[in-house]
Amino acid sequence: MYTLAQLEKQQIGLRIPRYLIEEIDECTKEFAINRTDIVIEALRTYLSEQKSRMFYKKFDNSVQEAKSMIEGKLPETTLSDLIDELNDSTNSSI
């Protein structure tokens, strides 16, 4: 859920190709909604799809890594090993 501050609208300027504006305007007439609502929904849909793609890509990478471990192509890693690795990378970046 979003806070009221996050839901507050802020005006921005966009340069959009004329053909897209014409398509947006066709939708505004057909569905009785304004340009802003169409652009907001398009952005929301695009961002949601990108987040899903990133999640599934990371998930697929994890599955491939687990499969490689099961097949003996990678050494098995324990939770302690992962914690140590994270601590080492955190300490080296300080």
C-alpha atoms as a PDB file:
ATOM      1  CA  MET A   1       0.000   0.000   0.000  1.00  0.00           C
ATOM      2  CA  TYR A   2       1.185   3.529  -0.675  1.00  0.00           C
ATOM      3  CA  THR A   3       1.163   6.524   1.669  1.00  0.00           C
ATOM      4  CA  LEU A   4      -0.796   9.653   0.823  1.00  0.00           C
ATOM      5  CA  ALA A   5       2.473  11.426   0.053  1.00  0.00           C
ATOM      6  CA  GLN A   6       3.410   8.695  -2.428  1.00  0.00           C
ATOM      7  CA  LEU A   7       0.004   8.949  -4.113  1.00  0.00           C
ATOM      8  CA  GLU A   8       0.290  12.704  -4.567  1.00  0.00           C
ATOM      9  CA  LYS A   9       0.625  13.527  -8.242  1.00  0.00           C
ATOM     10  CA  GLN A  10       3.567  15.487  -9.548  1.00  0.00           C
ATOM     11  CA  GLN A  11       3.640  17.143 -12.923  1.00  0.00           C
ATOM     12  CA  ILE A  12       6.409  16.160 -15.331  1.00  0.00           C
ATOM     13  CA  GLY A  13       7.098  16.991 -18.941  1.00  0.00           C
ATOM     14  CA  LEU A  14       7.318  14.313 -21.593  1.00  0.00           C
ATOM     15  CA  ARG A  15       8.110  14.421 -25.262  1.00  0.00           C
ATOM     16  CA  ILE A  16       6.021  11.713 -26.882  1.00  0.00           C
ATOM     17  CA  PRO A  17       5.902  10.888 -30.589  1.00  0.00           C
ATOM     18  CA  ARG A  18       2.851  12.349 -32.275  1.00  0.00           C
ATOM     19  CA  TYR A  19       1.562   8.930 -33.429  1.00  0.00           C
ATOM     20  CA  LEU A  20       1.414   7.758 -29.790  1.00  0.00           C
ATOM     21  CA  ILE A  21      -0.466  10.867 -28.731  1.00  0.00           C
ATOM     22  CA  GLU A  22      -2.964  10.199 -31.521  1.00  0.00           C
ATOM     23  CA  GLU A  23      -3.420   6.639 -30.243  1.00  0.00           C
ATOM     24  CA  ILE A  24      -3.801   7.894 -26.675  1.00  0.00           C
ATOM     25  CA  ASP A  25      -6.405  10.403 -27.817  1.00  0.00           C
ATOM     26  CA  GLU A  26      -8.352   7.630 -29.572  1.00  0.00           C
ATOM     27  CA  CYS A  27      -8.428   5.722 -26.285  1.00  0.00           C
ATOM     28  CA  THR A  28      -9.554   8.796 -24.341  1.00  0.00           C
ATOM     29  CA  LYS A  29     -12.561   9.108 -26.618  1.00  0.00           C
ATOM     30  CA  GLU A  30     -13.390   5.414 -26.685  1.00  0.00           C
ATOM     31  CA  PHE A  31     -13.024   4.774 -22.952  1.00  0.00           C
ATOM     32  CA  ALA A  32     -13.883   8.228 -21.578  1.00  0.00           C
ATOM     33  CA  ILE A  33     -10.650   8.570 -19.610  1.00  0.00           C
ATOM     34  CA  ASN A  34      -7.974  11.236 -19.747  1.00  0.00           C
ATOM     35  CA  ARG A  35      -4.438  11.099 -21.109  1.00  0.00           C
ATOM     36  CA  THR A  36      -2.918  11.104 -17.638  1.00  0.00           C
ATOM     37  CA  ASP A  37      -4.796   7.973 -16.593  1.00  0.00           C
ATOM     38  CA  ILE A  38      -3.738   6.160 -19.760  1.00  0.00           C
ATOM     39  CA  VAL A  39      -0.066   7.084 -19.318  1.00  0.00           C
ATOM     40  CA  ILE A  40      -0.143   6.179 -15.603  1.00  0.00           C
ATOM     41  CA  GLU A  41      -1.669   2.780 -16.335  1.00  0.00           C
ATOM     42  CA  ALA A  42       0.813   2.145 -19.156  1.00  0.00           C
ATOM     43  CA  LEU A  43       3.746   2.986 -16.864  1.00  0.00           C
ATOM     44  CA  ARG A  44       2.330   0.893 -14.029  1.00  0.00           C
ATOM     45  CA  THR A  45       1.888  -2.093 -16.357  1.00  0.00           C
ATOM     46  CA  TYR A  46       5.356  -1.682 -17.872  1.00  0.00           C
ATOM     47  CA  LEU A  47       7.059  -1.422 -14.482  1.00  0.00           C
ATOM     48  CA  SER A  48       5.145  -4.420 -13.142  1.00  0.00           C
ATOM     49  CA  GLU A  49       6.207  -6.516 -16.140  1.00  0.00           C
ATOM     50  CA  GLN A  50       9.838  -5.465 -15.742  1.00  0.00           C
ATOM     51  CA  LYS A  51       9.809  -6.364 -12.042  1.00  0.00           C
ATOM     52  CA  SER A  52       8.317  -9.762 -12.889  1.00  0.00           C
ATOM     53  CA  ARG A  53      10.963 -10.377 -15.547  1.00  0.00           C
ATOM     54  CA  MET A  54      13.747  -9.489 -13.117  1.00  0.00           C
ATOM     55  CA  PHE A  55      12.261 -11.769 -10.447  1.00  0.00           C
ATOM     56  CA  TYR A  56      11.913 -14.728 -12.807  1.00  0.00           C
ATOM     57  CA  LYS A  57      15.388 -14.186 -14.238  1.00  0.00           C
ATOM     58  CA  LYS A  58      16.871 -14.254 -10.727  1.00  0.00           C
ATOM     59  CA  PHE A  59      14.710 -17.269  -9.864  1.00  0.00           C
ATOM     60  CA  ASP A  60      15.851 -19.079 -13.014  1.00  0.00           C
ATOM     61  CA  ASN A  61      19.491 -18.327 -12.184  1.00  0.00           C
ATOM     62  CA  SER A  62      18.967 -19.723  -8.681  1.00  0.00           C
ATOM     63  CA  VAL A  63      17.341 -22.880 -10.057  1.00  0.00           C
ATOM     64  CA  GLN A  64      20.202 -23.364 -12.529  1.00  0.00           C
ATOM     65  CA  GLU A  65      22.733 -22.915  -9.727  1.00  0.00           C
ATOM     66  CA  ALA A  66      20.900 -25.411  -7.506  1.00  0.00           C
ATOM     67  CA  LYS A  67      20.720 -27.861 -10.402  1.00  0.00           C
ATOM     68  CA  SER A  68      24.470 -27.499 -10.963  1.00  0.00           C
ATOM     69  CA  MET A  69      25.071 -28.167  -7.265  1.00  0.00           C
ATOM     70  CA  ILE A  70      22.888 -31.286  -7.359  1.00  0.00           C
ATOM     71  CA  GLU A  71      24.736 -32.517 -10.438  1.00  0.00           C
ATOM     72  CA  GLY A  72      28.045 -31.935  -8.653  1.00  0.00           C
ATOM     73  CA  LYS A  73      29.173 -29.194 -11.026  1.00  0.00           C
ATOM     74  CA  LEU A  74      29.348 -26.674  -8.174  1.00  0.00           C
ATOM     75  CA  PRO A  75      30.377 -27.228  -4.587  1.00  0.00           C
ATOM     76  CA  GLU A  76      27.502 -27.334  -2.123  1.00  0.00           C
ATOM     77  CA  THR A  77      27.193 -24.171  -0.102  1.00  0.00           C
ATOM     78  CA  THR A  78      25.902 -24.062   3.440  1.00  0.00           C
ATOM     79  CA  LEU A  79      24.079 -21.163   5.016  1.00  0.00           C
ATOM     80  CA  SER A  80      27.191 -20.441   7.076  1.00  0.00           C
ATOM     81  CA  ASP A  81      29.249 -20.258   3.874  1.00  0.00           C
ATOM     82  CA  LEU A  82      26.800 -17.757   2.397  1.00  0.00           C
ATOM     83  CA  ILE A  83      26.823 -15.626   5.559  1.00  0.00           C
ATOM     84  CA  ASP A  84      30.628 -15.646   5.580  1.00  0.00           C
ATOM     85  CA  GLU A  85      30.673 -14.645   1.912  1.00  0.00           C
ATOM     86  CA  LEU A  86      28.277 -11.772   2.580  1.00  0.00           C
ATOM     87  CA  ASN A  87      30.312 -10.626   5.570  1.00  0.00           C
ATOM     88  CA  ASP A  88      33.519 -10.760   3.522  1.00  0.00           C
ATOM     89  CA  SER A  89      31.995  -8.692   0.702  1.00  0.00           C
ATOM     90  CA  THR A  90      30.606  -6.172   3.195  1.00  0.00           C
ATOM     91  CA  ASN A  91      33.949  -5.831   4.976  1.00  0.00           C
ATOM     92  CA  SER A  92      35.879  -5.442   1.734  1.00  0.00           C
ATOM     93  CA  SER A  93      33.628  -2.602   0.560  1.00  0.00           C
ATOM     94  CA  ILE A  94      34.138  -0.598   3.757  1.00  0.00           C
END
